[in-house]
Protein backbone atom coordinates (compact mmCIF):
# COMPACT_ATOMS: atom_id res chain seq x y z
CA UNK A 1 0.00 0.00 0.00
CA UNK A 2 1.49 3.40 -0.95
CA UNK A 3 2.33 5.76 1.88
CA UNK A 4 1.86 9.53 1.43
CA UNK A 5 3.49 12.03 3.78
CA UNK A 6 3.94 15.77 3.76
CA UNK A 7 7.48 16.77 2.80
CA UNK A 8 9.22 19.93 3.97
CA UNK A 9 10.33 20.85 0.45
CA UNK A 10 9.20 23.94 -1.46
CA UNK A 11 5.49 24.61 -1.26
CA UNK A 12 2.97 21.79 -0.97
CA UNK A 13 5.67 19.11 -0.80
CA UNK A 14 4.46 15.50 -0.76
CA UNK A 15 6.29 12.19 -0.76
CA UNK A 16 4.58 8.99 -1.88
CA UNK A 17 6.44 5.71 -1.33
CA UNK A 18 5.51 2.13 -2.05
CA UNK A 19 5.83 -0.68 -4.55
CA UNK A 20 5.18 -0.66 -8.28
CA UNK A 21 1.89 -2.22 -9.34
CA UNK A 22 3.54 -5.50 -10.29
CA UNK A 23 5.45 -5.59 -6.97
CA UNK A 24 8.91 -5.91 -8.53
CA UNK A 25 10.33 -2.49 -7.58
CA UNK A 26 10.15 0.08 -4.84
CA UNK A 27 9.25 3.61 -5.89
CA UNK A 28 9.27 7.01 -4.22
CA UNK A 29 7.85 10.15 -5.83
CA UNK A 30 8.48 13.61 -4.42
CA UNK A 31 6.34 16.48 -5.70
CA UNK A 32 6.46 20.17 -4.78
CA UNK A 33 6.11 23.57 -6.32
CA UNK A 34 8.08 26.77 -6.02
CA UNK A 35 6.60 29.89 -7.54
CA UNK A 36 5.40 28.96 -11.01
CA UNK A 37 7.51 25.77 -11.19
CA UNK A 38 6.06 22.32 -10.46
CA UNK A 39 8.55 19.54 -9.75
CA UNK A 40 8.32 15.75 -9.67
CA UNK A 41 11.31 13.59 -8.76
CA UNK A 42 10.96 9.80 -8.96
CA UNK A 43 13.25 7.17 -7.44
CA UNK A 44 12.87 3.51 -8.46
CA UNK A 45 14.86 0.62 -7.07
CA UNK A 46 14.87 -3.00 -5.99
CA UNK A 47 11.82 -4.15 -4.07
CA UNK A 48 13.87 -4.75 -0.93
CA UNK A 49 15.89 -1.51 -1.09
CA UNK A 50 13.70 1.63 -1.32
CA UNK A 51 15.30 5.08 -1.47
CA UNK A 52 15.74 6.41 2.09
CA UNK A 53 13.23 9.17 2.87
CA UNK A 54 15.92 11.54 4.18
CA UNK A 55 17.91 11.10 0.93
CA UNK A 56 14.84 11.89 -1.20
CA UNK A 57 14.03 14.98 0.90
CA UNK A 58 17.65 16.17 0.80
CA UNK A 59 17.80 15.96 -3.00
CA UNK A 60 14.42 17.69 -3.21
CA UNK A 61 15.71 20.58 -1.09
CA UNK A 62 18.73 20.91 -3.36
CA UNK A 63 16.45 21.04 -6.39
CA UNK A 64 14.28 23.63 -4.63
CA UNK A 65 17.37 25.78 -4.00
CA UNK A 66 18.36 25.50 -7.67
CA UNK A 67 14.87 26.61 -8.71
CA UNK A 68 15.01 29.60 -6.34
CA UNK A 69 18.42 30.57 -7.73
CA UNK A 70 17.10 30.26 -11.30
CA UNK A 71 14.11 32.45 -10.44
CA UNK A 72 16.38 35.02 -8.80
CA UNK A 73 14.56 34.87 -5.49
């Protein structure tokens, strides 16, 4: 069963983690927006080795910083 949690990344950050429909891979999807930019980052891996939540959040924060720099904010 997928698990959705709020993520402290950008605005309206959400992290959904679980298994692919066929059960062969783990998947984590981070979504957030910053200004007029919407971002989706997906991590897929072996069923028994999902991407660590703190790693996904950390990369999301780095992407958020890059977006802010690009927007000149």
